[in-house]
Structures are given as structure tokens and as C-alpha cells.
């Protein structure tokens, strides 16, 4: 995937695989990251494409 890595929470039907500490921290902060991105989009009046 050309250097792109998707990090998601483990779902019921997914295999259990080890997740790095950095990925776990990012998942915990995902809501805050999305809020900041949304505010930046609103301030700059950018539409999602």
C-alpha cells in the first residue's frame, strides 16, 4: 500500500495481532485528532474530497 498503514480497533471477527504502542496511543487520541481536523477544515473553508 505504498507506505500507508491503516490503524483500526480490533473487531470481533478480526484476528488478534500485536499492535505497536504508538498505534495504541494514536487510536486513543483519534477523536481529538478528528476534532482538530474538522475545526481546521471549517476555519479554512475546505471541503472533503
PDB file of N, CA and C in Angstrom:
ATOM      1  N   UNK A   1       0.813  -1.194   0.000  1.00  0.00           N
ATOM      2  CA  UNK A   1       0.000   0.000   0.000  1.00  0.00           C
ATOM      3  C   UNK A   1       0.857   1.259   0.000  1.00  0.00           C
ATOM      4  N   UNK A   2       1.948   1.296  -0.601  1.00  0.00           N
ATOM      5  CA  UNK A   2       2.774   2.487  -0.799  1.00  0.00           C
ATOM      6  C   UNK A   2       3.015   3.301   0.470  1.00  0.00           C
ATOM      7  N   UNK A   3       3.358   2.646   1.561  1.00  0.00           N
ATOM      8  CA  UNK A   3       3.713   3.358   2.771  1.00  0.00           C
ATOM      9  C   UNK A   3       2.547   3.844   3.608  1.00  0.00           C
ATOM     10  N   UNK A   4       1.321   3.529   3.227  1.00  0.00           N
ATOM     11  CA  UNK A   4       0.156   3.929   4.011  1.00  0.00           C
ATOM     12  C   UNK A   4      -0.259   2.762   4.885  1.00  0.00           C
ATOM     13  N   UNK A   5      -0.431   3.030   6.169  1.00  0.00           N
ATOM     14  CA  UNK A   5      -0.824   1.975   7.099  1.00  0.00           C
ATOM     15  C   UNK A   5      -2.107   2.402   7.800  1.00  0.00           C
ATOM     16  N   UNK A   6      -3.141   1.571   7.690  1.00  0.00           N
ATOM     17  CA  UNK A   6      -4.404   1.844   8.362  1.00  0.00           C
ATOM     18  C   UNK A   6      -4.360   1.243   9.754  1.00  0.00           C
ATOM     19  N   UNK A   7      -4.757   2.024  10.734  1.00  0.00           N
ATOM     20  CA  UNK A   7      -4.775   1.553  12.114  1.00  0.00           C
ATOM     21  C   UNK A   7      -6.219   1.619  12.591  1.00  0.00           C
ATOM     22  N   UNK A   8      -6.788   0.466  12.932  1.00  0.00           N
ATOM     23  CA  UNK A   8      -8.166   0.415  13.409  1.00  0.00           C
ATOM     24  C   UNK A   8      -8.229  -0.418  14.677  1.00  0.00           C
ATOM     25  N   UNK A   9      -9.311  -0.236  15.411  1.00  0.00           N
ATOM     26  CA  UNK A   9      -9.526  -1.047  16.603  1.00  0.00           C
ATOM     27  C   UNK A   9      -9.823  -2.475  16.182  1.00  0.00           C
ATOM     28  N   UNK A  10      -9.555  -3.401  17.067  1.00  0.00           N
ATOM     29  CA  UNK A  10      -9.800  -4.808  16.800  1.00  0.00           C
ATOM     30  C   UNK A  10     -11.300  -5.087  16.891  1.00  0.00           C
ATOM     31  N   UNK A  11     -11.862  -5.665  15.855  1.00  0.00           N
ATOM     32  CA  UNK A  11     -13.283  -6.018  15.835  1.00  0.00           C
ATOM     33  C   UNK A  11     -13.444  -7.477  16.241  1.00  0.00           C
ATOM     34  N   UNK A  12     -14.669  -7.889  16.478  1.00  0.00           N
ATOM     35  CA  UNK A  12     -14.943  -9.258  16.926  1.00  0.00           C
ATOM     36  C   UNK A  12     -14.480 -10.308  15.927  1.00  0.00           C
ATOM     37  N   UNK A  13     -14.656 -10.043  14.631  1.00  0.00           N
ATOM     38  CA  UNK A  13     -14.341 -11.053  13.625  1.00  0.00           C
ATOM     39  C   UNK A  13     -12.925 -10.922  13.058  1.00  0.00           C
ATOM     40  N   UNK A  14     -12.070 -10.114  13.680  1.00  0.00           N
ATOM     41  CA  UNK A  14     -10.707  -9.923  13.189  1.00  0.00           C
ATOM     42  C   UNK A  14      -9.737 -10.793  13.977  1.00  0.00           C
ATOM     43  N   UNK A  15      -8.669 -11.192  13.315  1.00  0.00           N
ATOM     44  CA  UNK A  15      -7.614 -11.944  14.000  1.00  0.00           C
ATOM     45  C   UNK A  15      -6.878 -11.025  14.962  1.00  0.00           C
ATOM     46  N   UNK A  16      -6.496 -11.567  16.090  1.00  0.00           N
ATOM     47  CA  UNK A  16      -5.760 -10.789  17.073  1.00  0.00           C
ATOM     48  C   UNK A  16      -4.302 -10.680  16.627  1.00  0.00           C
ATOM     49  N   UNK A  17      -3.830  -9.471  16.399  1.00  0.00           N
ATOM     50  CA  UNK A  17      -2.435  -9.264  16.025  1.00  0.00           C
ATOM     51  C   UNK A  17      -1.837  -8.203  16.948  1.00  0.00           C
ATOM     52  N   UNK A  18      -0.556  -8.290  17.155  1.00  0.00           N
ATOM     53  CA  UNK A  18       0.107  -7.339  18.041  1.00  0.00           C
ATOM     54  C   UNK A  18       0.105  -5.950  17.421  1.00  0.00           C
ATOM     55  N   UNK A  19      -0.161  -4.961  18.254  1.00  0.00           N
ATOM     56  CA  UNK A  19      -0.210  -3.583  17.801  1.00  0.00           C
ATOM     57  C   UNK A  19       0.880  -2.814  18.542  1.00  0.00           C
ATOM     58  N   UNK A  20       1.565  -1.941  17.832  1.00  0.00           N
ATOM     59  CA  UNK A  20       2.640  -1.188  18.475  1.00  0.00           C
ATOM     60  C   UNK A  20       2.068  -0.183  19.474  1.00  0.00           C
ATOM     61  N   UNK A  21       2.896   0.235  20.401  1.00  0.00           N
ATOM     62  CA  UNK A  21       2.479   1.204  21.420  1.00  0.00           C
ATOM     63  C   UNK A  21       2.061   2.516  20.758  1.00  0.00           C
ATOM     64  N   UNK A  22       2.793   2.935  19.736  1.00  0.00           N
ATOM     65  CA  UNK A  22       2.467   4.186  19.045  1.00  0.00           C
ATOM     66  C   UNK A  22       1.079   4.114  18.415  1.00  0.00           C
ATOM     67  N   UNK A  23       0.734   2.963  17.823  1.00  0.00           N
ATOM     68  CA  UNK A  23      -0.586   2.800  17.218  1.00  0.00           C
ATOM     69  C   UNK A  23      -1.682   2.845  18.278  1.00  0.00           C
ATOM     70  N   UNK A  24      -1.432   2.242  19.429  1.00  0.00           N
ATOM     71  CA  UNK A  24      -2.417   2.264  20.512  1.00  0.00           C
ATOM     72  C   UNK A  24      -2.660   3.689  20.997  1.00  0.00           C
ATOM     73  N   UNK A  25      -1.594   4.467  21.097  1.00  0.00           N
ATOM     74  CA  UNK A  25      -1.724   5.857  21.539  1.00  0.00           C
ATOM     75  C   UNK A  25      -2.508   6.665  20.515  1.00  0.00           C
ATOM     76  N   UNK A  26      -2.212   6.461  19.231  1.00  0.00           N
ATOM     77  CA  UNK A  26      -2.944   7.178  18.186  1.00  0.00           C
ATOM     78  C   UNK A  26      -4.425   6.828  18.201  1.00  0.00           C
ATOM     79  N   UNK A  27      -4.758   5.567  18.435  1.00  0.00           N
ATOM     80  CA  UNK A  27      -6.162   5.175  18.494  1.00  0.00           C
ATOM     81  C   UNK A  27      -6.880   5.854  19.653  1.00  0.00           C
ATOM     82  N   UNK A  28      -6.195   6.006  20.780  1.00  0.00           N
ATOM     83  CA  UNK A  28      -6.805   6.680  21.921  1.00  0.00           C
ATOM     84  C   UNK A  28      -7.046   8.154  21.629  1.00  0.00           C
ATOM     85  N   UNK A  29      -6.191   8.747  20.818  1.00  0.00           N
ATOM     86  CA  UNK A  29      -6.287  10.171  20.527  1.00  0.00           C
ATOM     87  C   UNK A  29      -7.025  10.455  19.221  1.00  0.00           C
ATOM     88  N   UNK A  30      -7.621   9.427  18.623  1.00  0.00           N
ATOM     89  CA  UNK A  30      -8.278   9.576  17.325  1.00  0.00           C
ATOM     90  C   UNK A  30      -9.394  10.618  17.361  1.00  0.00           C
ATOM     91  N   UNK A  31     -10.229  10.610  18.395  1.00  0.00           N
ATOM     92  CA  UNK A  31     -11.339  11.565  18.484  1.00  0.00           C
ATOM     93  C   UNK A  31     -10.815  12.997  18.504  1.00  0.00           C
ATOM     94  N   UNK A  32      -9.769  13.242  19.272  1.00  0.00           N
ATOM     95  CA  UNK A  32      -9.186  14.581  19.340  1.00  0.00           C
ATOM     96  C   UNK A  32      -8.602  14.994  17.992  1.00  0.00           C
ATOM     97  N   UNK A  33      -7.932  14.074  17.320  1.00  0.00           N
ATOM     98  CA  UNK A  33      -7.347  14.356  16.008  1.00  0.00           C
ATOM     99  C   UNK A  33      -8.441  14.716  15.011  1.00  0.00           C
ATOM    100  N   UNK A  34      -9.563  13.981  15.043  1.00  0.00           N
ATOM    101  CA  UNK A  34     -10.655  14.261  14.114  1.00  0.00           C
ATOM    102  C   UNK A  34     -11.304  15.608  14.412  1.00  0.00           C
ATOM    103  N   UNK A  35     -11.427  15.977  15.688  1.00  0.00           N
ATOM    104  CA  UNK A  35     -11.991  17.276  16.048  1.00  0.00           C
ATOM    105  C   UNK A  35     -11.104  18.401  15.528  1.00  0.00           C
ATOM    106  N   UNK A  36      -9.796  18.275  15.719  1.00  0.00           N
ATOM    107  CA  UNK A  36      -8.862  19.307  15.254  1.00  0.00           C
ATOM    108  C   UNK A  36      -8.921  19.431  13.737  1.00  0.00           C
ATOM    109  N   UNK A  37      -8.937  18.295  13.027  1.00  0.00           N
ATOM    110  CA  UNK A  37      -9.020  18.339  11.565  1.00  0.00           C
ATOM    111  C   UNK A  37     -10.316  18.994  11.113  1.00  0.00           C
ATOM    112  N   UNK A  38     -11.431  18.704  11.789  1.00  0.00           N
ATOM    113  CA  UNK A  38     -12.715  19.294  11.437  1.00  0.00           C
ATOM    114  C   UNK A  38     -12.695  20.800  11.645  1.00  0.00           C
ATOM    115  N   UNK A  39     -12.128  21.248  12.764  1.00  0.00           N
ATOM    116  CA  UNK A  39     -12.041  22.683  13.025  1.00  0.00           C
ATOM    117  C   UNK A  39     -11.161  23.378  11.989  1.00  0.00           C
ATOM    118  N   UNK A  40     -10.052  22.757  11.622  1.00  0.00           N
ATOM    119  CA  UNK A  40      -9.175  23.354  10.607  1.00  0.00           C
ATOM    120  C   UNK A  40      -9.891  23.458   9.265  1.00  0.00           C
ATOM    121  N   UNK A  41     -10.670  22.428   8.915  1.00  0.00           N
ATOM    122  CA  UNK A  41     -11.434  22.473   7.668  1.00  0.00           C
ATOM    123  C   UNK A  41     -12.465  23.593   7.709  1.00  0.00           C
ATOM    124  N   UNK A  42     -13.121  23.774   8.863  1.00  0.00           N
ATOM    125  CA  UNK A  42     -14.127  24.828   8.982  1.00  0.00           C
ATOM    126  C   UNK A  42     -13.499  26.212   8.913  1.00  0.00           C
ATOM    127  N   UNK A  43     -12.355  26.392   9.549  1.00  0.00           N
ATOM    128  CA  UNK A  43     -11.680  27.691   9.533  1.00  0.00           C
ATOM    129  C   UNK A  43     -11.201  28.028   8.129  1.00  0.00           C
ATOM    130  N   UNK A  44     -10.609  27.054   7.451  1.00  0.00           N
ATOM    131  CA  UNK A  44     -10.060  27.289   6.116  1.00  0.00           C
ATOM    132  C   UNK A  44     -11.111  27.125   5.025  1.00  0.00           C
ATOM    133  N   UNK A  45     -12.333  26.734   5.391  1.00  0.00           N
ATOM    134  CA  UNK A  45     -13.433  26.507   4.449  1.00  0.00           C
ATOM    135  C   UNK A  45     -13.028  25.542   3.345  1.00  0.00           C
ATOM    136  N   UNK A  46     -12.465  24.418   3.755  1.00  0.00           N
ATOM    137  CA  UNK A  46     -12.040  23.369   2.827  1.00  0.00           C
ATOM    138  C   UNK A  46     -13.083  22.270   2.848  1.00  0.00           C
ATOM    139  N   UNK A  47     -13.423  21.745   1.667  1.00  0.00           N
ATOM    140  CA  UNK A  47     -14.368  20.637   1.588  1.00  0.00           C
ATOM    141  C   UNK A  47     -13.611  19.337   1.480  1.00  0.00           C
ATOM    142  N   UNK A  48     -14.167  18.296   2.070  1.00  0.00           N
ATOM    143  CA  UNK A  48     -13.570  16.959   1.993  1.00  0.00           C
ATOM    144  C   UNK A  48     -13.725  16.426   0.583  1.00  0.00           C
ATOM    145  N   UNK A  49     -12.653  15.853   0.048  1.00  0.00           N
ATOM    146  CA  UNK A  49     -12.745  15.307  -1.318  1.00  0.00           C
ATOM    147  C   UNK A  49     -12.452  13.833  -1.316  1.00  0.00           C
TER     148      UNK A  49
END
